[in-house]
Amino acid sequence: MNSNLKHHVYNLLIAVFMVMLVGGCSRPDYLGIRPNESSIILTVSESLLLENLGRTISIRGKVGTVCQDEGCWMTITDGTAELKLRFADKTINAPMDLRGQVLAQGVIRENIVGSARVSEMMASGLIFLQDY
């Protein structure tokens, strides 16, 4: 191989490597099990109806607060109501800088905090609907 051809092959290999490296660094657009985007999607307010307790549902909302210790919980809101979301898989944590709209899927349950009943979602997955 002449030196000019070697130089072109070398440059091509470097370019392919860089494309693979950059492509491998992109963030996934979901956490956990990817929610079914074609299922019926409720607002946060609709998810709080008693008929949804114990059911697996999909909710669209805006990220409110995210746990700043580990990302182990977050809140989502539709502007009227707010819902706390925890991941059923304890190895999944939300990015602490998460913002914007998300689609979450999981089971609505009720916890007793003090003397109040508080609904929350045990999420199996979450899709980021916009970059954060």
Protein backbone atom coordinates (compact mmCIF):
# COMPACT_ATOMS: atom_id res chain seq x y z
CA MET A 1 0.00 0.00 0.00
CA ASN A 2 1.41 3.40 -0.84
CA SER A 3 1.65 5.99 1.90
CA ASN A 4 -1.15 8.18 0.43
CA LEU A 5 -3.61 5.25 0.50
CA LYS A 6 -2.51 4.32 4.05
CA HIS A 7 -3.17 7.90 5.13
CA HIS A 8 -6.73 7.82 3.68
CA VAL A 9 -7.50 4.44 5.28
CA TYR A 10 -6.15 5.70 8.61
CA ASN A 11 -8.34 8.83 8.41
CA LEU A 12 -11.38 6.75 7.50
CA LEU A 13 -10.85 4.43 10.47
CA ILE A 14 -10.50 7.41 12.82
CA ALA A 15 -13.73 8.93 11.43
CA VAL A 16 -15.65 5.63 11.87
CA PHE A 17 -14.34 5.29 15.43
CA MET A 18 -15.40 8.85 16.31
CA VAL A 19 -18.92 8.30 14.93
CA MET A 20 -19.25 5.12 17.00
CA LEU A 21 -17.94 6.86 20.10
CA VAL A 22 -20.29 9.84 19.82
CA GLY A 23 -23.27 7.63 18.94
CA GLY A 24 -22.61 5.45 21.99
CA CYS A 25 -22.67 8.44 24.33
CA SER A 26 -26.26 9.50 23.68
CA ARG A 27 -28.71 9.28 26.58
CA PRO A 28 -31.65 6.90 26.31
CA ASP A 29 -35.06 8.56 26.09
CA TYR A 30 -36.58 6.36 28.81
CA LEU A 31 -35.95 4.70 32.18
CA GLY A 32 -37.05 1.21 33.24
CA ILE A 33 -39.52 -0.60 31.01
CA ARG A 34 -40.49 1.66 28.11
CA PRO A 35 -44.15 2.73 28.58
CA ASN A 36 -46.63 1.91 25.84
CA GLU A 37 -47.21 5.22 24.07
CA SER A 38 -50.31 3.90 22.30
CA SER A 39 -52.18 3.10 25.53
CA ILE A 40 -54.76 5.47 27.03
CA ILE A 41 -52.88 8.30 28.71
CA LEU A 42 -54.38 10.07 31.70
CA THR A 43 -53.64 13.46 33.22
CA VAL A 44 -52.30 13.54 36.76
CA SER A 45 -55.73 14.74 37.98
CA GLU A 46 -57.48 11.81 36.26
CA SER A 47 -54.99 9.34 37.73
CA LEU A 48 -56.03 10.31 41.27
CA LEU A 49 -59.61 9.04 40.86
CA LEU A 50 -60.38 6.17 43.25
CA GLU A 51 -61.19 3.88 40.32
CA ASN A 52 -57.50 3.93 39.35
CA LEU A 53 -56.15 2.60 42.68
CA GLY A 54 -54.32 -0.67 42.06
CA ARG A 55 -54.50 -0.32 38.26
CA THR A 56 -51.59 -0.02 35.85
CA ILE A 57 -52.03 3.26 34.00
CA SER A 58 -50.07 5.74 31.89
CA ILE A 59 -49.81 9.39 32.94
CA ARG A 60 -48.44 12.42 31.14
CA GLY A 61 -47.22 15.33 33.22
CA LYS A 62 -44.57 17.92 33.86
CA VAL A 63 -41.72 17.08 36.21
CA GLY A 64 -41.97 18.98 39.47
CA THR A 65 -39.45 18.03 42.15
CA VAL A 66 -36.81 15.29 41.93
CA CYS A 67 -35.12 13.74 44.99
CA GLN A 68 -31.73 15.44 45.18
CA ASP A 69 -30.13 12.66 47.25
CA GLU A 70 -30.42 9.76 44.78
CA GLY A 71 -33.24 10.54 42.34
CA CYS A 72 -35.29 7.85 44.08
CA TRP A 73 -38.61 9.75 43.71
CA MET A 74 -40.04 12.63 41.74
CA THR A 75 -43.30 14.50 41.40
CA ILE A 76 -45.25 15.13 38.21
CA THR A 77 -48.03 17.65 37.76
CA ASP A 78 -50.66 18.66 35.22
CA GLY A 79 -50.96 22.16 36.71
CA THR A 80 -53.96 21.16 38.86
CA ALA A 81 -52.78 18.09 40.78
CA GLU A 82 -49.42 16.61 41.74
CA LEU A 83 -48.43 12.95 42.10
CA LYS A 84 -45.36 11.43 43.71
CA LEU A 85 -43.68 8.77 41.59
CA ARG A 86 -41.28 6.08 42.80
CA PHE A 87 -39.73 3.37 40.66
CA ALA A 88 -40.81 -0.20 41.36
CA ASP A 89 -37.25 -1.26 40.45
CA LYS A 90 -35.13 0.27 43.23
CA THR A 91 -32.05 0.25 40.98
CA ILE A 92 -33.61 2.96 38.75
CA ASN A 93 -33.14 6.59 39.70
CA ALA A 94 -34.37 9.69 37.91
CA PRO A 95 -31.72 12.15 36.75
CA MET A 96 -31.60 14.86 39.42
CA ASP A 97 -31.66 17.56 36.71
CA LEU A 98 -34.76 16.10 35.01
CA ARG A 99 -37.19 18.75 33.71
CA GLY A 100 -39.98 18.93 31.14
CA GLN A 101 -42.78 16.57 30.12
CA VAL A 102 -42.69 12.84 30.82
CA LEU A 103 -44.90 9.82 30.23
CA ALA A 104 -44.94 7.42 33.18
CA GLN A 105 -46.49 3.98 33.45
CA GLY A 106 -47.11 2.13 36.69
CA VAL A 107 -49.55 1.23 39.44
CA ILE A 108 -51.36 3.85 41.52
CA ARG A 109 -51.35 3.07 45.22
CA GLU A 110 -52.29 4.88 48.40
CA ASN A 111 -50.01 5.55 51.36
CA ILE A 112 -50.96 6.90 54.75
CA VAL A 113 -48.76 9.80 55.80
CA GLY A 114 -49.66 10.94 59.29
CA SER A 115 -53.45 11.08 59.17
CA ALA A 116 -53.64 11.77 55.42
CA ARG A 117 -54.06 9.35 52.53
CA VAL A 118 -51.63 10.17 49.75
CA SER A 119 -51.66 8.62 46.28
CA GLU A 120 -48.43 7.77 44.52
CA MET A 121 -47.33 5.78 41.50
CA MET A 122 -45.00 2.80 41.59
CA ALA A 123 -43.61 3.31 38.10
CA SER A 124 -42.29 0.54 35.91
CA GLY A 125 -41.02 3.01 33.32
CA LEU A 126 -40.78 6.60 32.18
CA ILE A 127 -40.27 8.27 28.79
CA PHE A 128 -38.67 11.71 28.47
CA LEU A 129 -40.97 13.55 26.05
CA GLN A 130 -38.48 16.37 25.60
CA ASP A 131 -34.77 16.80 26.20
CA TYR A 132 -33.88 17.91 29.70
